[in-house]
PDB file of N, CA and C in Angstrom:
ATOM      1  N   MET A   1     -14.623  -5.461  -7.445  1.00  0.00           N
ATOM      2  CA  MET A   1     -13.754  -5.790  -8.556  1.00  0.00           C
ATOM      3  C   MET A   1     -13.173  -4.497  -9.111  1.00  0.00           C
ATOM      4  N   VAL A   2     -11.907  -4.561  -9.452  1.00  0.00           N
ATOM      5  CA  VAL A   2     -11.209  -3.413 -10.023  1.00  0.00           C
ATOM      6  C   VAL A   2     -10.804  -3.776 -11.440  1.00  0.00           C
ATOM      7  N   GLU A   3     -11.040  -2.863 -12.367  1.00  0.00           N
ATOM      8  CA  GLU A   3     -10.652  -3.096 -13.758  1.00  0.00           C
ATOM      9  C   GLU A   3      -9.506  -2.165 -14.110  1.00  0.00           C
ATOM     10  N   ILE A   4      -8.416  -2.736 -14.591  1.00  0.00           N
ATOM     11  CA  ILE A   4      -7.228  -1.971 -14.938  1.00  0.00           C
ATOM     12  C   ILE A   4      -7.017  -2.056 -16.442  1.00  0.00           C
ATOM     13  N   PRO A   5      -6.985  -0.912 -17.130  1.00  0.00           N
ATOM     14  CA  PRO A   5      -6.734  -0.952 -18.573  1.00  0.00           C
ATOM     15  C   PRO A   5      -5.375  -1.570 -18.862  1.00  0.00           C
ATOM     16  N   TYR A   6      -5.336  -2.425 -19.861  1.00  0.00           N
ATOM     17  CA  TYR A   6      -4.087  -3.083 -20.243  1.00  0.00           C
ATOM     18  C   TYR A   6      -4.102  -3.334 -21.735  1.00  0.00           C
ATOM     19  N   ARG A   7      -3.234  -2.646 -22.431  1.00  0.00           N
ATOM     20  CA  ARG A   7      -3.123  -2.741 -23.889  1.00  0.00           C
ATOM     21  C   ARG A   7      -4.512  -2.638 -24.524  1.00  0.00           C
ATOM     22  N   ASP A   8      -4.983  -3.684 -25.222  1.00  0.00           N
ATOM     23  CA  ASP A   8      -6.276  -3.620 -25.891  1.00  0.00           C
ATOM     24  C   ASP A   8      -7.414  -4.195 -25.061  1.00  0.00           C
ATOM     25  N   SER A   9      -7.122  -4.611 -23.836  1.00  0.00           N
ATOM     26  CA  SER A   9      -8.164  -5.192 -22.985  1.00  0.00           C
ATOM     27  C   SER A   9      -8.016  -4.620 -21.576  1.00  0.00           C
ATOM     28  N   ALA A  10      -8.417  -5.378 -20.589  1.00  0.00           N
ATOM     29  CA  ALA A  10      -8.310  -4.921 -19.209  1.00  0.00           C
ATOM     30  C   ALA A  10      -8.030  -6.113 -18.316  1.00  0.00           C
ATOM     31  N   ILE A  11      -7.340  -5.836 -17.225  1.00  0.00           N
ATOM     32  CA  ILE A  11      -7.102  -6.846 -16.202  1.00  0.00           C
ATOM     33  C   ILE A  11      -8.161  -6.626 -15.131  1.00  0.00           C
ATOM     34  N   ARG A  12      -8.834  -7.677 -14.733  1.00  0.00           N
ATOM     35  CA  ARG A  12      -9.841  -7.563 -13.681  1.00  0.00           C
ATOM     36  C   ARG A  12      -9.335  -8.254 -12.425  1.00  0.00           C
ATOM     37  N   LEU A  13      -9.324  -7.524 -11.336  1.00  0.00           N
ATOM     38  CA  LEU A  13      -8.850  -8.068 -10.068  1.00  0.00           C
ATOM     39  C   LEU A  13      -9.956  -7.994  -9.030  1.00  0.00           C
ATOM     40  N   PHE A  14     -10.079  -9.025  -8.245  1.00  0.00           N
ATOM     41  CA  PHE A  14     -10.981  -8.993  -7.106  1.00  0.00           C
ATOM     42  C   PHE A  14     -10.141  -8.634  -5.900  1.00  0.00           C
ATOM     43  N   LEU A  15     -10.264  -7.397  -5.453  1.00  0.00           N
ATOM     44  CA  LEU A  15      -9.467  -6.923  -4.347  1.00  0.00           C
ATOM     45  C   LEU A  15     -10.306  -6.868  -3.083  1.00  0.00           C
ATOM     46  N   PRO A  16      -9.736  -7.294  -1.975  1.00  0.00           N
ATOM     47  CA  PRO A  16     -10.481  -7.216  -0.728  1.00  0.00           C
ATOM     48  C   PRO A  16     -10.706  -5.763  -0.339  1.00  0.00           C
ATOM     49  N   GLN A  17     -11.842  -5.488   0.180  1.00  0.00           N
ATOM     50  CA  GLN A  17     -12.142  -4.143   0.647  1.00  0.00           C
ATOM     51  C   GLN A  17     -11.865  -4.082   2.139  1.00  0.00           C
ATOM     52  N   ILE A  18     -10.955  -3.263   2.563  1.00  0.00           N
ATOM     53  CA  ILE A  18     -10.609  -3.160   3.989  1.00  0.00           C
ATOM     54  C   ILE A  18     -11.591  -2.249   4.686  1.00  0.00           C
ATOM     55  N   SER A  19     -12.426  -1.719   4.583  1.00  0.00           N
ATOM     56  CA  SER A  19     -13.372  -0.811   5.190  1.00  0.00           C
ATOM     57  C   SER A  19     -13.314   0.524   4.463  1.00  0.00           C
ATOM     58  N   ILE A  20     -14.459   1.073   4.363  1.00  0.00           N
ATOM     59  CA  ILE A  20     -14.585   2.356   3.677  1.00  0.00           C
ATOM     60  C   ILE A  20     -14.070   3.430   4.626  1.00  0.00           C
ATOM     61  N   MET A  21     -13.241   4.308   4.090  1.00  0.00           N
ATOM     62  CA  MET A  21     -12.699   5.377   4.918  1.00  0.00           C
ATOM     63  C   MET A  21     -12.585   6.643   4.102  1.00  0.00           C
ATOM     64  N   ASN A  22     -12.513   7.741   4.808  1.00  0.00           N
ATOM     65  CA  ASN A  22     -12.365   9.040   4.167  1.00  0.00           C
ATOM     66  C   ASN A  22     -10.889   9.256   3.846  1.00  0.00           C
ATOM     67  N   THR A  23     -10.542   9.201   2.581  1.00  0.00           N
ATOM     68  CA  THR A  23      -9.138   9.348   2.192  1.00  0.00           C
ATOM     69  C   THR A  23      -8.700  10.811   2.123  1.00  0.00           C
ATOM     70  N   ASP A  24      -9.635  11.748   2.315  1.00  0.00           N
ATOM     71  CA  ASP A  24      -9.277  13.166   2.298  1.00  0.00           C
ATOM     72  C   ASP A  24      -8.387  13.555   3.473  1.00  0.00           C
ATOM     73  N   GLU A  25      -8.402  12.764   4.536  1.00  0.00           N
ATOM     74  CA  GLU A  25      -7.623  13.094   5.723  1.00  0.00           C
ATOM     75  C   GLU A  25      -6.163  12.656   5.626  1.00  0.00           C
ATOM     76  N   PHE A  26      -5.769  12.084   4.490  1.00  0.00           N
ATOM     77  CA  PHE A  26      -4.409  11.618   4.292  1.00  0.00           C
ATOM     78  C   PHE A  26      -3.603  12.651   3.516  1.00  0.00           C
ATOM     79  N   GLU A  27      -2.427  12.969   4.023  1.00  0.00           N
ATOM     80  CA  GLU A  27      -1.532  13.914   3.364  1.00  0.00           C
ATOM     81  C   GLU A  27      -0.721  13.179   2.290  1.00  0.00           C
ATOM     82  N   LEU A  28      -0.727  13.686   1.070  1.00  0.00           N
ATOM     83  CA  LEU A  28       0.068  13.110  -0.009  1.00  0.00           C
ATOM     84  C   LEU A  28       1.522  13.535   0.182  1.00  0.00           C
ATOM     85  N   VAL A  29       2.419  12.539   0.257  1.00  0.00           N
ATOM     86  CA  VAL A  29       3.848  12.805   0.443  1.00  0.00           C
ATOM     87  C   VAL A  29       4.647  12.042  -0.611  1.00  0.00           C
ATOM     88  N   GLU A  30       5.877  12.438  -0.787  1.00  0.00           N
ATOM     89  CA  GLU A  30       6.780  11.745  -1.707  1.00  0.00           C
ATOM     90  C   GLU A  30       7.382  10.529  -1.000  1.00  0.00           C
ATOM     91  N   LYS A  31       7.602   9.460  -1.740  1.00  0.00           N
ATOM     92  CA  LYS A  31       8.132   8.231  -1.127  1.00  0.00           C
ATOM     93  C   LYS A  31       9.498   8.458  -0.487  1.00  0.00           C
ATOM     94  N   GLU A  32      10.273   9.388  -1.001  1.00  0.00           N
ATOM     95  CA  GLU A  32      11.591   9.667  -0.453  1.00  0.00           C
ATOM     96  C   GLU A  32      11.520  10.222   0.972  1.00  0.00           C
ATOM     97  N   GLN A  33      10.377  10.777   1.348  1.00  0.00           N
ATOM     98  CA  GLN A  33      10.206  11.326   2.692  1.00  0.00           C
ATOM     99  C   GLN A  33       9.983  10.242   3.742  1.00  0.00           C
ATOM    100  N   VAL A  34       9.610   9.043   3.313  1.00  0.00           N
ATOM    101  CA  VAL A  34       9.278   7.966   4.247  1.00  0.00           C
ATOM    102  C   VAL A  34      10.443   7.664   5.185  1.00  0.00           C
ATOM    103  N   VAL A  35      11.667   7.781   4.714  1.00  0.00           N
ATOM    104  CA  VAL A  35      12.828   7.478   5.552  1.00  0.00           C
ATOM    105  C   VAL A  35      12.942   8.418   6.753  1.00  0.00           C
ATOM    106  N   ASN A  36      12.267   9.563   6.702  1.00  0.00           N
ATOM    107  CA  ASN A  36      12.316  10.535   7.798  1.00  0.00           C
ATOM    108  C   ASN A  36      11.228  10.317   8.851  1.00  0.00           C
ATOM    109  N   TYR A  37      10.325   9.398   8.618  1.00  0.00           N
ATOM    110  CA  TYR A  37       9.214   9.176   9.539  1.00  0.00           C
ATOM    111  C   TYR A  37       9.560   8.121  10.584  1.00  0.00           C
ATOM    112  N   HIS A  38       8.925   8.249  11.742  1.00  0.00           N
ATOM    113  CA  HIS A  38       9.063   7.249  12.806  1.00  0.00           C
ATOM    114  C   HIS A  38       7.766   6.466  12.885  1.00  0.00           C
ATOM    115  N   PHE A  39       7.883   5.140  12.889  1.00  0.00           N
ATOM    116  CA  PHE A  39       6.707   4.277  12.902  1.00  0.00           C
ATOM    117  C   PHE A  39       6.603   3.530  14.232  1.00  0.00           C
ATOM    118  N   PRO A  40       5.492   3.723  14.950  1.00  0.00           N
ATOM    119  CA  PRO A  40       5.278   2.968  16.194  1.00  0.00           C
ATOM    120  C   PRO A  40       5.234   1.465  15.915  1.00  0.00           C
ATOM    121  N   LEU A  41       5.461   0.684  16.940  1.00  0.00           N
ATOM    122  CA  LEU A  41       5.470  -0.773  16.795  1.00  0.00           C
ATOM    123  C   LEU A  41       4.066  -1.374  16.750  1.00  0.00           C
ATOM    124  N   GLU A  42       3.061  -0.616  17.150  1.00  0.00           N
ATOM    125  CA  GLU A  42       1.698  -1.127  17.203  1.00  0.00           C
ATOM    126  C   GLU A  42       1.109  -1.335  15.807  1.00  0.00           C
ATOM    127  N   GLU A  43       0.322  -2.389  15.673  1.00  0.00           N
ATOM    128  CA  GLU A  43      -0.433  -2.668  14.445  1.00  0.00           C
ATOM    129  C   GLU A  43      -1.515  -1.606  14.285  1.00  0.00           C
ATOM    130  N   ILE A  44      -1.640  -1.069  13.082  1.00  0.00           N
ATOM    131  CA  ILE A  44      -2.627  -0.016  12.814  1.00  0.00           C
ATOM    132  C   ILE A  44      -4.030  -0.585  12.578  1.00  0.00           C
ATOM    133  N   LEU A  45      -4.124  -1.788  12.037  1.00  0.00           N
ATOM    134  CA  LEU A  45      -5.430  -2.392  11.776  1.00  0.00           C
ATOM    135  C   LEU A  45      -5.923  -3.151  12.998  1.00  0.00           C
ATOM    136  N   LYS A  46      -7.229  -3.258  13.126  1.00  0.00           N
ATOM    137  CA  LYS A  46      -7.822  -3.844  14.328  1.00  0.00           C
ATOM    138  C   LYS A  46      -8.178  -5.319  14.189  1.00  0.00           C
ATOM    139  N   SER A  47      -8.571  -5.763  13.014  1.00  0.00           N
ATOM    140  CA  SER A  47      -9.079  -7.128  12.886  1.00  0.00           C
ATOM    141  C   SER A  47      -8.161  -8.002  12.035  1.00  0.00           C
ATOM    142  N   GLU A  48      -8.250  -9.288  12.288  1.00  0.00           N
ATOM    143  CA  GLU A  48      -7.498 -10.270  11.516  1.00  0.00           C
ATOM    144  C   GLU A  48      -7.923 -10.243  10.044  1.00  0.00           C
ATOM    145  N   ASN A  49      -9.225 -10.037   9.783  1.00  0.00           N
ATOM    146  CA  ASN A  49      -9.724  -9.959   8.403  1.00  0.00           C
ATOM    147  C   ASN A  49      -9.086  -8.798   7.651  1.00  0.00           C
ATOM    148  N   GLU A  50      -8.973  -7.649   8.300  1.00  0.00           N
ATOM    149  CA  GLU A  50      -8.343  -6.491   7.664  1.00  0.00           C
ATOM    150  C   GLU A  50      -6.870  -6.760   7.363  1.00  0.00           C
ATOM    151  N   MET A  51      -6.188  -7.409   8.296  1.00  0.00           N
ATOM    152  CA  MET A  51      -4.765  -7.714   8.093  1.00  0.00           C
ATOM    153  C   MET A  51      -4.569  -8.718   6.956  1.00  0.00           C
ATOM    154  N   ASN A  52      -5.445  -9.712   6.870  1.00  0.00           N
ATOM    155  CA  ASN A  52      -5.368 -10.685   5.773  1.00  0.00           C
ATOM    156  C   ASN A  52      -5.650 -10.023   4.430  1.00  0.00           C
ATOM    157  N   ALA A  53      -6.648  -9.130   4.404  1.00  0.00           N
ATOM    158  CA  ALA A  53      -6.977  -8.409   3.169  1.00  0.00           C
ATOM    159  C   ALA A  53      -5.811  -7.523   2.742  1.00  0.00           C
ATOM    160  N   ARG A  54      -5.166  -6.885   3.709  1.00  0.00           N
ATOM    161  CA  ARG A  54      -4.006  -6.042   3.402  1.00  0.00           C
ATOM    162  C   ARG A  54      -2.885  -6.895   2.804  1.00  0.00           C
ATOM    163  N   LYS A  55      -2.643  -8.055   3.383  1.00  0.00           N
ATOM    164  CA  LYS A  55      -1.592  -8.942   2.876  1.00  0.00           C
ATOM    165  C   LYS A  55      -1.859  -9.347   1.431  1.00  0.00           C
ATOM    166  N   GLU A  56      -3.107  -9.706   1.125  1.00  0.00           N
ATOM    167  CA  GLU A  56      -3.470 -10.079  -0.250  1.00  0.00           C
ATOM    168  C   GLU A  56      -3.292  -8.905  -1.204  1.00  0.00           C
ATOM    169  N   ALA A  57      -3.704  -7.714  -0.773  1.00  0.00           N
ATOM    170  CA  ALA A  57      -3.570  -6.529  -1.624  1.00  0.00           C
ATOM    171  C   ALA A  57      -2.096  -6.213  -1.886  1.00  0.00           C
ATOM    172  N   ILE A  58      -1.256  -6.385  -0.876  1.00  0.00           N
ATOM    173  CA  ILE A  58       0.181  -6.133  -1.043  1.00  0.00           C
ATOM    174  C   ILE A  58       0.774  -7.121  -2.038  1.00  0.00           C
ATOM    175  N   GLU A  59       0.390  -8.374  -1.935  1.00  0.00           N
ATOM    176  CA  GLU A  59       0.906  -9.377  -2.876  1.00  0.00           C
ATOM    177  C   GLU A  59       0.493  -9.067  -4.309  1.00  0.00           C
ATOM    178  N   ARG A  60      -0.738  -8.644  -4.506  1.00  0.00           N
ATOM    179  CA  ARG A  60      -1.197  -8.278  -5.856  1.00  0.00           C
ATOM    180  C   ARG A  60      -0.471  -7.047  -6.369  1.00  0.00           C
ATOM    181  N   ALA A  61      -0.341  -6.051  -5.505  1.00  0.00           N
ATOM    182  CA  ALA A  61       0.347  -4.822  -5.905  1.00  0.00           C
ATOM    183  C   ALA A  61       1.813  -5.101  -6.227  1.00  0.00           C
ATOM    184  N   ASN A  62       2.437  -5.993  -5.480  1.00  0.00           N
ATOM    185  CA  ASN A  62       3.824  -6.363  -5.754  1.00  0.00           C
ATOM    186  C   ASN A  62       3.941  -7.031  -7.117  1.00  0.00           C
ATOM    187  N   SER A  63       3.020  -7.931  -7.427  1.00  0.00           N
ATOM    188  CA  SER A  63       3.034  -8.592  -8.738  1.00  0.00           C
ATOM    189  C   SER A  63       2.859  -7.583  -9.860  1.00  0.00           C
ATOM    190  N   LEU A  64       1.901  -6.672  -9.709  1.00  0.00           N
ATOM    191  CA  LEU A  64       1.688  -5.650 -10.738  1.00  0.00           C
ATOM    192  C   LEU A  64       2.894  -4.727 -10.859  1.00  0.00           C
ATOM    193  N   GLY A  65       3.528  -4.422  -9.748  1.00  0.00           N
ATOM    194  CA  GLY A  65       4.703  -3.560  -9.774  1.00  0.00           C
ATOM    195  C   GLY A  65       5.853  -4.203 -10.518  1.00  0.00           C
ATOM    196  N   ASN A  66       6.062  -5.486 -10.266  1.00  0.00           N
ATOM    197  CA  ASN A  66       7.169  -6.183 -10.923  1.00  0.00           C
ATOM    198  C   ASN A  66       6.895  -6.458 -12.392  1.00  0.00           C
ATOM    199  N   LEU A  67       5.654  -6.773 -12.738  1.00  0.00           N
ATOM    200  CA  LEU A  67       5.318  -7.107 -14.121  1.00  0.00           C
ATOM    201  C   LEU A  67       5.086  -5.875 -14.988  1.00  0.00           C
ATOM    202  N   GLU A  68       4.353  -4.922 -14.459  1.00  0.00           N
ATOM    203  CA  GLU A  68       3.908  -3.782 -15.271  1.00  0.00           C
ATOM    204  C   GLU A  68       4.385  -2.423 -14.760  1.00  0.00           C
ATOM    205  N   HIS A  69       5.159  -2.400 -13.678  1.00  0.00           N
ATOM    206  CA  HIS A  69       5.586  -1.142 -13.054  1.00  0.00           C
ATOM    207  C   HIS A  69       4.380  -0.264 -12.720  1.00  0.00           C
ATOM    208  N   TYR A  70       3.332  -0.911 -12.260  1.00  0.00           N
ATOM    209  CA  TYR A  70       2.067  -0.240 -11.982  1.00  0.00           C
ATOM    210  C   TYR A  70       2.126   0.450 -10.621  1.00  0.00           C
ATOM    211  N   LYS A  71       1.703   1.706 -10.568  1.00  0.00           N
ATOM    212  CA  LYS A  71       1.703   2.467  -9.320  1.00  0.00           C
ATOM    213  C   LYS A  71       0.434   2.191  -8.518  1.00  0.00           C
ATOM    214  N   VAL A  72       0.598   2.185  -7.196  1.00  0.00           N
ATOM    215  CA  VAL A  72      -0.522   2.014  -6.283  1.00  0.00           C
ATOM    216  C   VAL A  72      -0.526   3.169  -5.287  1.00  0.00           C
ATOM    217  N   LYS A  73      -1.683   3.405  -4.689  1.00  0.00           N
ATOM    218  CA  LYS A  73      -1.794   4.374  -3.603  1.00  0.00           C
ATOM    219  C   LYS A  73      -1.685   3.597  -2.304  1.00  0.00           C
ATOM    220  N   ILE A  74      -0.729   3.992  -1.485  1.00  0.00           N
ATOM    221  CA  ILE A  74      -0.517   3.325  -0.205  1.00  0.00           C
ATOM    222  C   ILE A  74      -0.878   4.310   0.901  1.00  0.00           C
ATOM    223  N   TYR A  75      -1.869   3.941   1.693  1.00  0.00           N
ATOM    224  CA  TYR A  75      -2.315   4.755   2.822  1.00  0.00           C
ATOM    225  C   TYR A  75      -1.689   4.177   4.085  1.00  0.00           C
ATOM    226  N   PHE A  76      -1.007   5.016   4.852  1.00  0.00           N
ATOM    227  CA  PHE A  76      -0.311   4.536   6.044  1.00  0.00           C
ATOM    228  C   PHE A  76      -0.291   5.612   7.113  1.00  0.00           C
ATOM    229  N   ALA A  77       0.191   5.248   8.294  1.00  0.00           N
ATOM    230  CA  ALA A  77       0.270   6.208   9.398  1.00  0.00           C
ATOM    231  C   ALA A  77       1.614   6.078  10.088  1.00  0.00           C
ATOM    232  N   ASP A  78       2.234   7.225  10.356  1.00  0.00           N
ATOM    233  CA  ASP A  78       3.432   7.237  11.177  1.00  0.00           C
ATOM    234  C   ASP A  78       3.003   7.654  12.585  1.00  0.00           C
ATOM    235  N   GLU A  79       3.923   8.130  13.415  1.00  0.00           N
ATOM    236  CA  GLU A  79       3.548   8.506  14.775  1.00  0.00           C
ATOM    237  C   GLU A  79       2.811   9.847  14.841  1.00  0.00           C
ATOM    238  N   VAL A  80       2.815  10.605  13.740  1.00  0.00           N
ATOM    239  CA  VAL A  80       2.242  11.946  13.744  1.00  0.00           C
ATOM    240  C   VAL A  80       0.889  12.029  13.045  1.00  0.00           C
ATOM    241  N   SER A  81       0.783  11.444  11.850  1.00  0.00           N
ATOM    242  CA  SER A  81      -0.447  11.613  11.072  1.00  0.00           C
ATOM    243  C   SER A  81      -0.598  10.519  10.020  1.00  0.00           C
ATOM    244  N   LYS A  82      -1.720  10.602   9.298  1.00  0.00           N
ATOM    245  CA  LYS A  82      -1.989   9.670   8.200  1.00  0.00           C
ATOM    246  C   LYS A  82      -1.448  10.265   6.910  1.00  0.00           C
ATOM    247  N   LYS A  83      -0.839   9.397   6.091  1.00  0.00           N
ATOM    248  CA  LYS A  83      -0.202   9.865   4.866  1.00  0.00           C
ATOM    249  C   LYS A  83      -0.508   8.920   3.716  1.00  0.00           C
ATOM    250  N   ARG A  84      -0.205   9.385   2.501  1.00  0.00           N
ATOM    251  CA  ARG A  84      -0.398   8.565   1.296  1.00  0.00           C
ATOM    252  C   ARG A  84       0.777   8.780   0.364  1.00  0.00           C
ATOM    253  N   ILE A  85       1.214   7.694  -0.267  1.00  0.00           N
ATOM    254  CA  ILE A  85       2.204   7.793  -1.335  1.00  0.00           C
ATOM    255  C   ILE A  85       1.654   7.066  -2.555  1.00  0.00           C
ATOM    256  N   ASP A  86       2.014   7.541  -3.728  1.00  0.00           N
ATOM    257  CA  ASP A  86       1.669   6.890  -4.993  1.00  0.00           C
ATOM    258  C   ASP A  86       2.971   6.371  -5.576  1.00  0.00           C
ATOM    259  N   THR A  87       3.112   5.062  -5.608  1.00  0.00           N
ATOM    260  CA  THR A  87       4.396   4.492  -6.004  1.00  0.00           C
ATOM    261  C   THR A  87       4.237   3.058  -6.474  1.00  0.00           C
ATOM    262  N   THR A  88       5.318   2.490  -6.925  1.00  0.00           N
ATOM    263  CA  THR A  88       5.384   1.088  -7.334  1.00  0.00           C
ATOM    264  C   THR A  88       6.024   0.283  -6.217  1.00  0.00           C
ATOM    265  N   ILE A  89       5.445  -0.859  -5.894  1.00  0.00           N
ATOM    266  CA  ILE A  89       6.039  -1.763  -4.913  1.00  0.00           C
ATOM    267  C   ILE A  89       6.999  -2.679  -5.653  1.00  0.00           C
ATOM    268  N   TRP A  90       8.252  -2.699  -5.213  1.00  0.00           N
ATOM    269  CA  TRP A  90       9.286  -3.497  -5.875  1.00  0.00           C
ATOM    270  C   TRP A  90       9.551  -4.814  -5.173  1.00  0.00           C
ATOM    271  N   GLY A  91       9.201  -4.901  -3.899  1.00  0.00           N
ATOM    272  CA  GLY A  91       9.447  -6.131  -3.164  1.00  0.00           C
ATOM    273  C   GLY A  91       8.676  -6.149  -1.862  1.00  0.00           C
ATOM    274  N   VAL A  92       8.582  -7.350  -1.285  1.00  0.00           N
ATOM    275  CA  VAL A  92       7.848  -7.530  -0.029  1.00  0.00           C
ATOM    276  C   VAL A  92       8.627  -8.500   0.847  1.00  0.00           C
ATOM    277  N   THR A  93       8.762  -8.165   2.134  1.00  0.00           N
ATOM    278  CA  THR A  93       9.307  -9.088   3.115  1.00  0.00           C
ATOM    279  C   THR A  93       8.187  -9.439   4.090  1.00  0.00           C
ATOM    280  N   ASP A  94       8.496 -10.185   5.120  1.00  0.00           N
ATOM    281  CA  ASP A  94       7.488 -10.523   6.127  1.00  0.00           C
ATOM    282  C   ASP A  94       7.001  -9.290   6.875  1.00  0.00           C
ATOM    283  N   ARG A  95       7.843  -8.273   6.958  1.00  0.00           N
ATOM    284  CA  ARG A  95       7.520  -7.112   7.796  1.00  0.00           C
ATOM    285  C   ARG A  95       7.412  -5.780   7.072  1.00  0.00           C
ATOM    286  N   ALA A  96       7.835  -5.729   5.808  1.00  0.00           N
ATOM    287  CA  ALA A  96       7.880  -4.433   5.130  1.00  0.00           C
ATOM    288  C   ALA A  96       7.686  -4.581   3.631  1.00  0.00           C
ATOM    289  N   ILE A  97       7.321  -3.445   3.001  1.00  0.00           N
ATOM    290  CA  ILE A  97       7.319  -3.385   1.543  1.00  0.00           C
ATOM    291  C   ILE A  97       8.526  -2.554   1.122  1.00  0.00           C
ATOM    292  N   LEU A  98       9.064  -2.894  -0.030  1.00  0.00           N
ATOM    293  CA  LEU A  98      10.256  -2.231  -0.536  1.00  0.00           C
ATOM    294  C   LEU A  98       9.884  -1.393  -1.752  1.00  0.00           C
ATOM    295  N   LEU A  99      10.306  -0.144  -1.723  1.00  0.00           N
ATOM    296  CA  LEU A  99      10.033   0.783  -2.807  1.00  0.00           C
ATOM    297  C   LEU A  99      11.356   1.146  -3.469  1.00  0.00           C
ATOM    298  N   LYS A 100      11.313   1.968  -4.504  1.00  0.00           N
ATOM    299  CA  LYS A 100      12.541   2.418  -5.173  1.00  0.00           C
ATOM    300  C   LYS A 100      13.435   3.147  -4.184  1.00  0.00           C
ATOM    301  N   GLN A 101      14.702   3.206  -4.516  1.00  0.00           N
ATOM    302  CA  GLN A 101      15.713   3.942  -3.753  1.00  0.00           C
ATOM    303  C   GLN A 101      15.837   3.420  -2.319  1.00  0.00           C
ATOM    304  N   ASN A 102      15.644   2.112  -2.142  1.00  0.00           N
ATOM    305  CA  ASN A 102      15.781   1.460  -0.844  1.00  0.00           C
ATOM    306  C   ASN A 102      14.870   2.028   0.241  1.00  0.00           C
ATOM    307  N   VAL A 103      13.718   2.528  -0.143  1.00  0.00           N
ATOM    308  CA  VAL A 103      12.735   3.012   0.820  1.00  0.00           C
ATOM    309  C   VAL A 103      11.951   1.814   1.335  1.00  0.00           C
ATOM    310  N   VAL A 104      11.819   1.732   2.656  1.00  0.00           N
ATOM    311  CA  VAL A 104      11.146   0.611   3.304  1.00  0.00           C
ATOM    312  C   VAL A 104       9.978   1.151   4.124  1.00  0.00           C
ATOM    313  N   LEU A 105       8.815   0.533   3.960  1.00  0.00           N
ATOM    314  CA  LEU A 105       7.621   0.936   4.704  1.00  0.00           C
ATOM    315  C   LEU A 105       7.117  -0.284   5.476  1.00  0.00           C
ATOM    316  N   PRO A 106       7.009  -0.175   6.816  1.00  0.00           N
ATOM    317  CA  PRO A 106       6.559  -1.328   7.600  1.00  0.00           C
ATOM    318  C   PRO A 106       5.100  -1.679   7.308  1.00  0.00           C
ATOM    319  N   ILE A 107       4.853  -2.953   7.100  1.00  0.00           N
ATOM    320  CA  ILE A 107       3.503  -3.414   6.757  1.00  0.00           C
ATOM    321  C   ILE A 107       2.509  -3.124   7.870  1.00  0.00           C
ATOM    322  N   HIS A 108       2.913  -3.239   9.125  1.00  0.00           N
ATOM    323  CA  HIS A 108       1.972  -3.065  10.237  1.00  0.00           C
ATOM    324  C   HIS A 108       1.450  -1.628  10.362  1.00  0.00           C
ATOM    325  N   ARG A 109       1.991  -0.690   9.567  1.00  0.00           N
ATOM    326  CA  ARG A 109       1.504   0.692   9.584  1.00  0.00           C
ATOM    327  C   ARG A 109       0.721   1.048   8.317  1.00  0.00           C
ATOM    328  N   ILE A 110       0.566   0.079   7.411  1.00  0.00           N
ATOM    329  CA  ILE A 110      -0.203   0.311   6.190  1.00  0.00           C
ATOM    330  C   ILE A 110      -1.691   0.092   6.489  1.00  0.00           C
ATOM    331  N   ILE A 111      -2.491   1.071   6.155  1.00  0.00           N
ATOM    332  CA  ILE A 111      -3.925   1.010   6.405  1.00  0.00           C
ATOM    333  C   ILE A 111      -4.665   0.411   5.226  1.00  0.00           C
ATOM    334  N   LYS A 112      -4.273   0.809   4.017  1.00  0.00           N
ATOM    335  CA  LYS A 112      -5.004   0.402   2.819  1.00  0.00           C
ATOM    336  C   LYS A 112      -4.129   0.604   1.597  1.00  0.00           C
ATOM    337  N   LEU A 113      -4.394  -0.199   0.562  1.00  0.00           N
ATOM    338  CA  LEU A 113      -3.777  -0.002  -0.743  1.00  0.00           C
ATOM    339  C   LEU A 113      -4.871   0.160  -1.773  1.00  0.00           C
ATOM    340  N   GLU A 114      -4.673   1.058  -2.719  1.00  0.00           N
ATOM    341  CA  GLU A 114      -5.593   1.234  -3.844  1.00  0.00           C
ATOM    342  C   GLU A 114      -4.802   0.970  -5.112  1.00  0.00           C
ATOM    343  N   ILE A 115      -5.312   0.042  -5.889  1.00  0.00           N
ATOM    344  CA  ILE A 115      -4.647  -0.298  -7.142  1.00  0.00           C
ATOM    345  C   ILE A 115      -5.432   0.320  -8.290  1.00  0.00           C
TER     346      ILE A 115
END
C-alpha cells in the first residue's frame, strides 16, 4: 500500500508490486530526451502478471496525473540502457503513455512505475 499526502489527509492506493529491483542501475533523464531514444519491439517484462500489474499502475498514474498533476517515476529501457523519468502521465493509449510536449513512451518498454 502506498500513502500519498493530500491536503489534510492522505490517499491510500494498493499498487501491484512488479518485482523488487535495484533502481540504482537506472539513469535519470529528462522526458524531452525520450524522443531521441530507439525502442526495440520486444516486450521488456517476462510474465503476464507483471504486464497486468504494469497496466493497472499506468491507469492509476494516469488518473492521478489528470486529477492532481501528480508526478510518477517511470522506469524503462531503450535499446541501449535502463532509464528513469520523473513526470506526469497525461494520457494512455493501447500501446503508449503520453507525456507533456507530445512525448510518447511505448508501454512494452516500461519496467515499473513508482507513484
